[in-house]
Amino acid sequence: MGRSSDRGSLVFDWNGERSSACGRVELNDETLRDGLQSPSATEPADALKRRLVHLMAELGIGTATIGFPAAGPRMLAQCRLLAREVASTRLPLALTCAARAAPSDLAPIVELAQETGLAIEAAAFIGTSAVRQAAEGWALERMLSAVDRAVAFGTRAGIPVMFVAEDASRAHPDTLAALCLAALRAGAGRICLADTTGYATPAGVTRLVGFVRERVTRSAGAAVGLDWHGHRDRGLALANCLAAIAAGADRVHATALGIGERAGNAEMEQLLANLYLLGATSGNLQCLPEYCRTAAAALGIEIPAHHPVVGADAFRTGTGLHAAVILKAQAAGDSTLADLLYSSLPAAAFGLVQQIAVTPASGRANVRSWLAAHGYDPDDAVLADGLLAAAKRSDRALSDAECAVAVADALARAAVHD
């Protein structure tokens, strides 16, 4: 029998973030709204859409944005399909629909809520930066009036309303505060700060979230939810989510595999993996690979082999020195140690295992591991030498079929010599 090491005794955490994980942070999945805005995404089949919302709930994701019903009949049909699925199966998943800050956009959300009996949240957005104001020719007074009318319409109709400050990361503080306060006065229960162009840095997120907490939500004198929605144009979306949580945001948005407009959004699977390390998840992370595979199939995208957590190479090594020490821990029956040696994330947490590949960089440990896993004697020098030689001749990792051919060749050569 092997032993299982204690992670805490092996890893000194220089990050020091676990205690600041802010408990159980809420998550909003934007895959079926923002994700579908990707120019490369395909329209998912209804069955895959349904499966995705079930996987979201199983992962412990609390809210899903299911579309933009005012965008047209197809999107309205998607929102109705998913709202009915959640209502009929009683999924523990709150729903949000996007809308421009206009009563006409909120009206179909009100109808969906009344039809299904769900408290579907309206995420009413308006551009808050001078960039957007200049392009639209908007005066602040007109924007304030639009926000007031839209939020008040939703509130009177009995649905929760979240005011989304689009392009908040480039907005002037006075403009941002005025619009947020107008939304709260009209009855909004949440404020969402959107880094629409992926402009923010973690330091900027900290200042922005801190400003809104101090200038807006505290002055409101009531419990106000604060959301963060970020894009990854600068490659900082995940880091920005973590900064937003540390700064006091109580809900953050992400999409499966980071799919979304332009360079995409924060990656939900990577966000969940990081929250796991922070002790801030409660769902079943064993289904995370299925969630990502389902999203990839639904949206018609490929998962890169090197993608963190769910890529084919995420927990796979072909280096001889690395493989040798991982196998040594596995041979001792210490799965915790094996998971920690060359990974900050434990494969087992996501229902995965460490894998040993046979590549040009491999050593004898790799080939012995492959032989043992496929029913051969790992101590057979002829087979090990033959497979290792084939690996060294290759310019890439060998497939199982190629390894089998190399072993068969080694056996044939040995038989001739005998």
Protein backbone atom coordinates (compact mmCIF):
# COMPACT_ATOMS: atom_id res chain seq x y z
CA MET A 1 0.00 0.00 0.00
CA GLY A 2 1.22 3.47 -0.83
CA ARG A 3 0.80 6.62 1.11
CA SER A 4 -0.77 9.93 0.11
CA SER A 5 1.23 13.04 0.91
CA ASP A 6 -0.31 16.11 2.49
CA ARG A 7 -0.29 18.98 0.00
CA GLY A 8 0.03 21.58 2.74
CA SER A 9 3.22 20.04 4.07
CA LEU A 10 4.82 19.97 0.61
CA VAL A 11 3.93 23.35 -0.88
CA PHE A 12 4.96 26.65 0.67
CA ASP A 13 2.49 29.16 -0.74
CA TRP A 14 4.32 32.36 -1.61
CA ASN A 15 1.14 33.64 -3.25
CA GLY A 16 -0.55 34.04 0.11
CA GLU A 17 -3.95 34.38 -1.55
CA ARG A 18 -5.97 31.58 -0.01
CA SER A 19 -7.12 33.62 2.96
CA SER A 20 -8.26 36.44 0.69
CA ALA A 21 -10.41 34.26 -1.56
CA CYS A 22 -13.49 36.11 -0.25
CA GLY A 23 -15.34 32.88 0.51
CA ARG A 24 -17.66 31.58 -2.13
CA VAL A 25 -17.50 34.01 -5.05
CA GLU A 26 -20.40 33.81 -7.50
CA LEU A 27 -19.88 33.02 -11.17
CA ASN A 28 -21.84 34.04 -14.25
CA ASP A 29 -21.40 31.93 -17.39
CA GLU A 30 -21.59 33.97 -20.59
CA THR A 31 -20.85 31.12 -23.03
CA LEU A 32 -24.31 31.17 -24.60
CA ARG A 33 -24.35 34.92 -25.00
CA ASP A 34 -20.89 36.49 -25.26
CA GLY A 35 -19.44 33.21 -26.48
CA LEU A 36 -21.79 33.19 -29.44
CA GLN A 37 -20.57 36.65 -30.43
CA SER A 38 -17.28 35.12 -31.55
CA PRO A 39 -17.04 35.42 -35.35
CA SER A 40 -15.66 31.88 -35.39
CA ALA A 41 -18.43 30.27 -33.34
CA THR A 42 -21.13 28.12 -34.89
CA GLU A 43 -24.75 28.03 -33.76
CA PRO A 44 -25.05 25.21 -31.20
CA ALA A 45 -27.61 22.47 -31.49
CA ASP A 46 -30.42 22.73 -28.94
CA ALA A 47 -29.39 19.49 -27.22
CA LEU A 48 -25.87 20.83 -26.62
CA LYS A 49 -27.25 24.10 -25.27
CA ARG A 50 -29.37 22.17 -22.80
CA ARG A 51 -26.45 19.98 -21.79
CA LEU A 52 -24.27 23.03 -21.21
CA VAL A 53 -26.66 24.64 -18.73
CA HIS A 54 -26.85 21.37 -16.79
CA LEU A 55 -23.04 21.19 -16.66
CA MET A 56 -22.89 24.82 -15.51
CA ALA A 57 -25.13 23.98 -12.58
CA GLU A 58 -23.11 20.86 -11.72
CA LEU A 59 -19.90 22.91 -11.70
CA GLY A 60 -21.40 25.22 -9.10
CA ILE A 61 -21.80 28.15 -11.48
CA GLY A 62 -24.64 30.18 -10.03
CA THR A 63 -25.84 32.23 -12.99
CA ALA A 64 -25.95 31.86 -16.76
CA THR A 65 -26.56 34.57 -19.32
CA ILE A 66 -28.73 32.81 -21.87
CA GLY A 67 -28.87 35.40 -24.64
CA PHE A 68 -30.02 38.78 -25.90
CA PRO A 69 -33.73 38.25 -26.65
CA ALA A 70 -34.23 41.62 -28.34
CA ALA A 71 -31.56 40.72 -30.94
CA GLY A 72 -34.05 38.77 -33.06
CA PRO A 73 -36.30 35.70 -33.30
CA ARG A 74 -33.46 33.16 -33.17
CA MET A 75 -31.97 34.57 -29.99
CA LEU A 76 -35.41 34.94 -28.42
CA ALA A 77 -36.07 31.27 -29.22
CA GLN A 78 -32.77 30.28 -27.55
CA CYS A 79 -33.63 32.24 -24.42
CA ARG A 80 -37.08 30.62 -24.28
CA LEU A 81 -35.62 27.14 -24.81
CA LEU A 82 -33.09 27.53 -22.00
CA ALA A 83 -35.45 29.27 -19.60
CA ARG A 84 -37.97 26.46 -20.04
CA GLU A 85 -35.22 23.86 -19.53
CA VAL A 86 -34.13 25.44 -16.27
CA ALA A 87 -37.72 25.85 -15.08
CA SER A 88 -38.86 22.33 -16.00
CA THR A 89 -35.84 20.58 -14.49
CA ARG A 90 -35.58 22.94 -11.51
CA LEU A 91 -31.90 23.49 -12.11
CA PRO A 92 -30.14 25.49 -9.36
CA LEU A 93 -29.11 28.09 -11.93
CA ALA A 94 -30.20 31.73 -11.97
CA LEU A 95 -30.70 33.27 -15.41
CA THR A 96 -29.75 36.60 -16.94
CA CYS A 97 -30.57 38.08 -20.33
CA ALA A 98 -28.73 40.98 -21.94
CA ALA A 99 -30.51 44.14 -23.05
CA ARG A 100 -29.66 47.63 -24.14
CA ALA A 101 -30.74 50.29 -21.69
CA ALA A 102 -34.16 50.65 -23.33
CA PRO A 103 -37.62 49.45 -22.21
CA SER A 104 -38.16 47.81 -25.62
CA ASP A 105 -35.16 45.53 -24.98
CA LEU A 106 -36.32 44.62 -21.49
CA ALA A 107 -39.89 43.82 -22.58
CA PRO A 108 -39.15 40.31 -23.96
CA ILE A 109 -37.21 39.47 -20.79
CA VAL A 110 -40.25 40.43 -18.72
CA GLU A 111 -42.40 38.19 -20.95
CA LEU A 112 -39.99 35.25 -20.53
CA ALA A 113 -40.00 35.70 -16.76
CA GLN A 114 -43.79 35.75 -16.65
CA GLU A 115 -44.03 32.75 -18.99
CA THR A 116 -41.63 30.54 -17.02
CA GLY A 117 -42.14 31.84 -13.49
CA LEU A 118 -38.41 32.51 -13.19
CA ALA A 119 -36.90 35.72 -11.82
CA ILE A 120 -34.84 36.33 -14.96
CA GLU A 121 -32.41 39.18 -14.45
CA ALA A 122 -32.12 41.88 -17.10
CA ALA A 123 -28.53 42.99 -17.71
CA ALA A 124 -29.20 46.47 -19.10
CA PHE A 125 -26.08 47.97 -20.66
CA ILE A 126 -24.97 51.32 -21.98
CA GLY A 127 -21.55 52.56 -23.05
CA THR A 128 -20.03 54.71 -20.32
CA SER A 129 -16.73 55.87 -21.84
CA ALA A 130 -16.08 59.08 -23.76
CA VAL A 131 -15.11 56.87 -26.71
CA ARG A 132 -18.66 55.56 -26.98
CA GLN A 133 -20.21 58.93 -26.25
CA ALA A 134 -18.21 60.51 -29.08
CA ALA A 135 -19.20 57.80 -31.56
CA GLU A 136 -22.90 57.97 -30.66
CA GLY A 137 -23.13 61.71 -30.09
CA TRP A 138 -24.63 61.10 -26.65
CA ALA A 139 -24.91 63.77 -23.98
CA LEU A 140 -24.69 62.58 -20.39
CA GLU A 141 -28.21 63.85 -19.66
CA ARG A 142 -29.61 61.64 -22.40
CA MET A 143 -27.70 58.63 -21.07
CA LEU A 144 -28.93 59.21 -17.52
CA SER A 145 -32.50 59.42 -18.76
CA ALA A 146 -32.14 56.20 -20.77
CA VAL A 147 -30.77 54.32 -17.77
CA ASP A 148 -33.52 55.63 -15.52
CA ARG A 149 -36.30 54.64 -17.94
CA ALA A 150 -34.93 51.17 -18.66
CA VAL A 151 -34.19 50.19 -15.07
CA ALA A 152 -37.47 51.62 -13.78
CA PHE A 153 -39.37 49.67 -16.47
CA GLY A 154 -37.83 46.39 -15.39
CA THR A 155 -38.27 47.12 -11.71
CA ARG A 156 -41.96 47.98 -12.14
CA ALA A 157 -42.42 44.76 -14.11
CA GLY A 158 -41.02 42.80 -11.18
CA ILE A 159 -37.77 41.47 -12.61
CA PRO A 160 -34.30 42.02 -11.12
CA VAL A 161 -32.17 44.47 -13.07
CA MET A 162 -28.40 44.71 -13.25
CA PHE A 163 -26.93 47.88 -14.72
CA VAL A 164 -23.98 47.05 -16.96
CA ALA A 165 -21.47 49.88 -17.32
CA GLU A 166 -20.08 49.00 -20.74
CA ASP A 167 -16.45 50.09 -21.28
CA ALA A 168 -16.22 50.99 -17.60
CA SER A 169 -12.46 50.44 -17.63
CA ARG A 170 -12.06 53.52 -19.86
CA ALA A 171 -14.82 55.68 -18.38
CA HIS A 172 -14.32 58.96 -16.52
CA PRO A 173 -14.99 58.48 -12.79
CA ASP A 174 -17.65 61.20 -12.62
CA THR A 175 -19.57 59.83 -15.61
CA LEU A 176 -19.36 56.27 -14.33
CA ALA A 177 -20.53 57.22 -10.85
CA ALA A 178 -23.42 59.31 -12.18
CA LEU A 179 -24.74 56.48 -14.37
CA CYS A 180 -24.37 53.83 -11.69
CA LEU A 181 -26.10 55.96 -9.08
CA ALA A 182 -28.93 56.72 -11.51
CA ALA A 183 -29.41 52.99 -12.05
CA LEU A 184 -29.51 52.30 -8.32
CA ARG A 185 -32.01 55.09 -7.74
CA ALA A 186 -34.24 53.54 -10.41
CA GLY A 187 -34.14 50.17 -8.66
CA ALA A 188 -31.14 48.24 -10.01
CA GLY A 189 -29.90 45.60 -7.58
CA ARG A 190 -26.51 45.02 -9.15
CA ILE A 191 -23.80 46.95 -10.95
CA CYS A 192 -21.60 45.24 -13.52
CA LEU A 193 -18.28 46.77 -14.50
CA ALA A 194 -17.45 45.66 -18.02
CA ASP A 195 -13.91 45.72 -19.38
CA THR A 196 -15.43 45.63 -22.84
CA THR A 197 -12.22 46.05 -24.81
CA GLY A 198 -9.93 44.13 -22.47
CA TYR A 199 -8.10 47.34 -21.61
CA ALA A 200 -7.73 46.92 -17.86
CA THR A 201 -4.72 45.66 -15.95
CA PRO A 202 -5.02 43.99 -12.52
CA ALA A 203 -3.91 47.21 -10.85
CA GLY A 204 -6.53 49.12 -12.81
CA VAL A 205 -9.21 46.61 -11.83
CA THR A 206 -8.32 47.05 -8.17
CA ARG A 207 -8.68 50.82 -8.44
CA LEU A 208 -11.88 50.65 -10.49
CA VAL A 209 -13.67 48.17 -8.25
CA GLY A 210 -12.49 50.06 -5.17
CA PHE A 211 -13.77 53.34 -6.60
CA VAL A 212 -17.23 51.95 -7.36
CA ARG A 213 -17.49 50.30 -3.94
CA GLU A 214 -16.55 53.56 -2.22
CA ARG A 215 -18.32 56.10 -4.43
CA VAL A 216 -21.39 54.14 -5.55
CA THR A 217 -22.40 51.01 -3.66
CA ARG A 218 -21.63 52.26 -0.15
CA SER A 219 -23.39 55.56 -0.73
CA ALA A 220 -26.48 53.66 -1.94
CA GLY A 221 -27.08 52.55 1.64
CA ALA A 222 -28.34 49.12 0.58
CA ALA A 223 -26.95 45.75 -0.41
CA VAL A 224 -25.79 46.08 -4.01
CA GLY A 225 -24.19 43.26 -5.96
CA LEU A 226 -21.01 44.12 -7.84
CA ASP A 227 -20.02 42.17 -10.95
CA TRP A 228 -16.88 42.08 -13.08
CA HIS A 229 -17.00 41.21 -16.79
CA GLY A 230 -13.68 41.11 -18.62
CA HIS A 231 -12.23 40.43 -22.06
CA ARG A 232 -8.76 39.20 -22.93
CA ASP A 233 -7.57 41.52 -25.69
CA ARG A 234 -4.36 42.05 -23.67
CA GLY A 235 -4.33 38.51 -22.32
CA LEU A 236 -5.20 39.69 -18.80
CA ALA A 237 -8.81 38.60 -18.40
CA LEU A 238 -8.18 35.80 -15.92
CA ALA A 239 -5.76 37.87 -13.81
CA ASN A 240 -8.28 40.70 -13.86
CA CYS A 241 -11.04 38.40 -12.58
CA LEU A 242 -8.87 37.40 -9.64
CA ALA A 243 -8.01 41.06 -8.98
CA ALA A 244 -11.70 41.97 -9.07
CA ILE A 245 -12.51 39.24 -6.53
CA ALA A 246 -9.73 40.40 -4.23
CA ALA A 247 -10.97 43.99 -4.55
CA GLY A 248 -14.51 43.08 -3.53
CA ALA A 249 -16.47 42.03 -6.61
CA ASP A 250 -18.93 39.33 -5.56
CA ARG A 251 -19.66 37.91 -9.02
CA VAL A 252 -17.38 37.52 -12.04
CA HIS A 253 -18.19 36.52 -15.60
CA ALA A 254 -16.44 34.06 -17.90
CA THR A 255 -17.01 31.73 -20.85
CA ALA A 256 -16.04 28.16 -21.65
CA LEU A 257 -12.55 28.12 -23.22
CA GLY A 258 -12.56 31.94 -23.23
CA ILE A 259 -14.70 32.01 -26.38
CA GLY A 260 -16.09 35.44 -27.21
CA GLU A 261 -15.85 38.49 -29.41
CA ARG A 262 -12.37 39.30 -30.79
CA ALA A 263 -9.82 37.62 -28.50
CA GLY A 264 -12.57 36.38 -26.20
CA ASN A 265 -13.47 36.54 -22.52
CA ALA A 266 -12.05 35.24 -19.27
CA GLU A 267 -11.79 31.44 -19.40
CA MET A 268 -14.30 29.76 -17.11
CA GLU A 269 -12.32 26.51 -16.76
CA GLN A 270 -9.16 28.40 -15.78
CA LEU A 271 -11.11 30.62 -13.41
CA LEU A 272 -12.61 27.55 -11.72
CA ALA A 273 -9.18 25.92 -11.46
CA ASN A 274 -7.73 29.01 -9.80
CA LEU A 275 -10.68 29.35 -7.44
CA TYR A 276 -10.18 25.69 -6.51
CA LEU A 277 -6.63 26.49 -5.39
CA LEU A 278 -8.01 29.43 -3.42
CA GLY A 279 -10.57 27.23 -1.69
CA ALA A 280 -13.47 29.14 -3.25
CA THR A 281 -15.37 26.52 -5.25
CA SER A 282 -18.21 24.23 -4.24
CA GLY A 283 -19.26 22.43 -7.42
CA ASN A 284 -18.25 19.13 -9.00
CA LEU A 285 -15.06 19.94 -10.89
CA GLN A 286 -14.85 16.35 -12.13
CA CYS A 287 -17.19 17.37 -14.95
CA LEU A 288 -15.04 20.32 -16.06
CA PRO A 289 -13.48 18.38 -18.99
CA GLU A 290 -16.95 17.39 -20.22
CA TYR A 291 -18.11 21.01 -19.94
CA CYS A 292 -15.22 22.16 -22.13
CA ARG A 293 -15.63 19.33 -24.64
CA THR A 294 -19.35 20.05 -24.88
CA ALA A 295 -18.73 23.77 -25.40
CA ALA A 296 -16.10 23.04 -28.05
CA ALA A 297 -18.49 20.72 -29.89
CA ALA A 298 -21.37 23.18 -29.53
CA LEU A 299 -19.42 26.17 -30.81
CA GLY A 300 -17.35 24.36 -33.43
CA ILE A 301 -13.94 25.17 -31.97
CA GLU A 302 -10.85 23.13 -31.18
CA ILE A 303 -9.27 22.86 -27.73
CA PRO A 304 -5.52 23.51 -28.17
CA ALA A 305 -3.33 20.72 -26.85
CA HIS A 306 -1.48 23.15 -24.56
CA HIS A 307 -4.67 24.71 -23.14
CA PRO A 308 -4.51 24.75 -19.31
CA VAL A 309 -6.50 22.15 -17.40
CA VAL A 310 -8.36 20.54 -20.32
CA GLY A 311 -5.87 20.52 -23.21
CA ALA A 312 -4.49 17.12 -24.26
CA ASP A 313 -1.04 18.07 -22.92
CA ALA A 314 -2.16 19.80 -19.72
CA PHE A 315 -1.23 16.80 -17.56
CA ARG A 316 1.03 14.99 -20.03
CA THR A 317 4.80 14.90 -20.04
CA GLY A 318 7.25 13.52 -22.57
CA THR A 319 10.47 14.60 -20.86
CA GLY A 320 12.51 11.72 -19.53
CA LEU A 321 13.66 13.36 -16.30
CA HIS A 322 10.15 14.56 -15.45
CA ALA A 323 8.58 11.23 -16.29
CA ALA A 324 11.04 9.32 -14.14
CA VAL A 325 10.24 11.18 -10.95
CA ILE A 326 6.46 11.19 -11.59
CA LEU A 327 6.56 7.45 -12.13
CA LYS A 328 8.61 7.00 -8.96
CA ALA A 329 5.86 8.73 -6.95
CA GLN A 330 3.15 6.71 -8.70
CA ALA A 331 5.04 3.47 -8.02
CA ALA A 332 5.04 4.39 -4.34
CA GLY A 333 1.27 4.83 -4.53
CA ASP A 334 1.52 8.54 -3.72
CA SER A 335 -0.92 10.14 -6.18
CA THR A 336 -0.82 13.50 -4.40
CA LEU A 337 2.93 13.75 -4.79
CA ALA A 338 2.75 12.58 -8.41
CA ASP A 339 0.21 15.34 -9.14
CA LEU A 340 2.34 18.03 -7.50
CA LEU A 341 5.73 17.28 -9.01
CA TYR A 342 5.32 19.08 -12.33
CA SER A 343 1.89 20.67 -12.00
CA SER A 344 0.46 23.39 -9.80
CA LEU A 345 -2.99 21.89 -10.36
CA PRO A 346 -3.85 18.34 -9.27
CA ALA A 347 -5.14 16.38 -12.25
CA ALA A 348 -7.29 14.28 -9.92
CA ALA A 349 -9.36 17.32 -8.93
CA PHE A 350 -10.71 17.45 -12.47
CA GLY A 351 -11.16 13.74 -12.98
CA LEU A 352 -7.91 13.49 -14.95
CA VAL A 353 -4.59 11.68 -14.49
CA GLN A 354 -0.95 12.38 -15.15
CA GLN A 355 0.06 10.89 -18.51
CA ILE A 356 3.48 9.84 -19.78
CA ALA A 357 4.12 10.31 -23.51
CA VAL A 358 6.85 8.74 -25.64
CA THR A 359 8.68 11.56 -27.45
CA PRO A 360 12.16 12.41 -28.78
CA ALA A 361 12.88 13.89 -25.32
CA SER A 362 11.91 10.67 -23.52
CA GLY A 363 14.10 8.36 -21.48
CA ARG A 364 13.76 4.78 -20.42
CA ALA A 365 11.16 5.66 -17.80
CA ASN A 366 8.75 6.81 -20.52
CA VAL A 367 9.06 3.66 -22.61
CA ARG A 368 8.87 1.36 -19.59
CA SER A 369 5.68 3.17 -18.55
CA TRP A 370 4.15 2.69 -21.99
CA LEU A 371 5.11 -0.99 -22.09
CA ALA A 372 3.60 -1.64 -18.67
CA ALA A 373 0.39 0.20 -19.54
CA HIS A 374 -0.05 -1.85 -22.72
CA GLY A 375 0.57 -5.30 -21.35
CA TYR A 376 4.27 -5.73 -22.14
CA ASP A 377 7.09 -6.55 -19.75
CA PRO A 378 8.60 -3.16 -18.85
CA ASP A 379 11.85 -4.87 -17.90
CA ASP A 380 12.30 -6.40 -21.37
CA ALA A 381 15.43 -4.61 -22.58
CA VAL A 382 14.81 -5.54 -26.21
CA LEU A 383 11.39 -3.93 -26.24
CA ALA A 384 12.50 -0.90 -24.24
CA ASP A 385 15.53 -0.32 -26.48
CA GLY A 386 13.49 -0.71 -29.64
CA LEU A 387 10.77 1.69 -28.51
CA LEU A 388 13.27 4.24 -27.22
CA ALA A 389 15.20 4.14 -30.49
CA ALA A 390 11.98 4.75 -32.43
CA ALA A 391 11.20 7.72 -30.19
CA LYS A 392 14.64 9.23 -30.74
CA ARG A 393 14.23 8.92 -34.53
CA SER A 394 10.86 10.69 -34.46
CA ASP A 395 10.24 14.43 -34.69
CA ARG A 396 7.18 14.30 -32.42
CA ALA A 397 5.41 12.22 -29.81
CA LEU A 398 4.61 8.69 -30.92
CA SER A 399 0.99 7.58 -31.00
CA ASP A 400 -0.02 4.32 -29.34
CA ALA A 401 -0.22 2.72 -32.77
CA GLU A 402 3.30 3.88 -33.63
CA CYS A 403 4.61 2.59 -30.31
CA ALA A 404 2.99 -0.77 -31.01
CA VAL A 405 4.66 -0.92 -34.43
CA ALA A 406 8.05 -0.12 -32.87
CA VAL A 407 7.58 -2.89 -30.30
CA ALA A 408 6.53 -5.37 -33.00
CA ASP A 409 9.61 -4.44 -35.04
CA ALA A 410 11.83 -4.99 -31.99
CA LEU A 411 10.26 -8.40 -31.41
CA ALA A 412 10.72 -9.36 -35.07
CA ARG A 413 14.36 -8.35 -35.06
CA ALA A 414 14.97 -10.30 -31.86
CA ALA A 415 13.33 -13.37 -33.37
CA VAL A 416 15.59 -13.19 -36.45
CA HIS A 417 18.68 -12.96 -34.27
CA ASP A 418 17.52 -15.91 -32.22
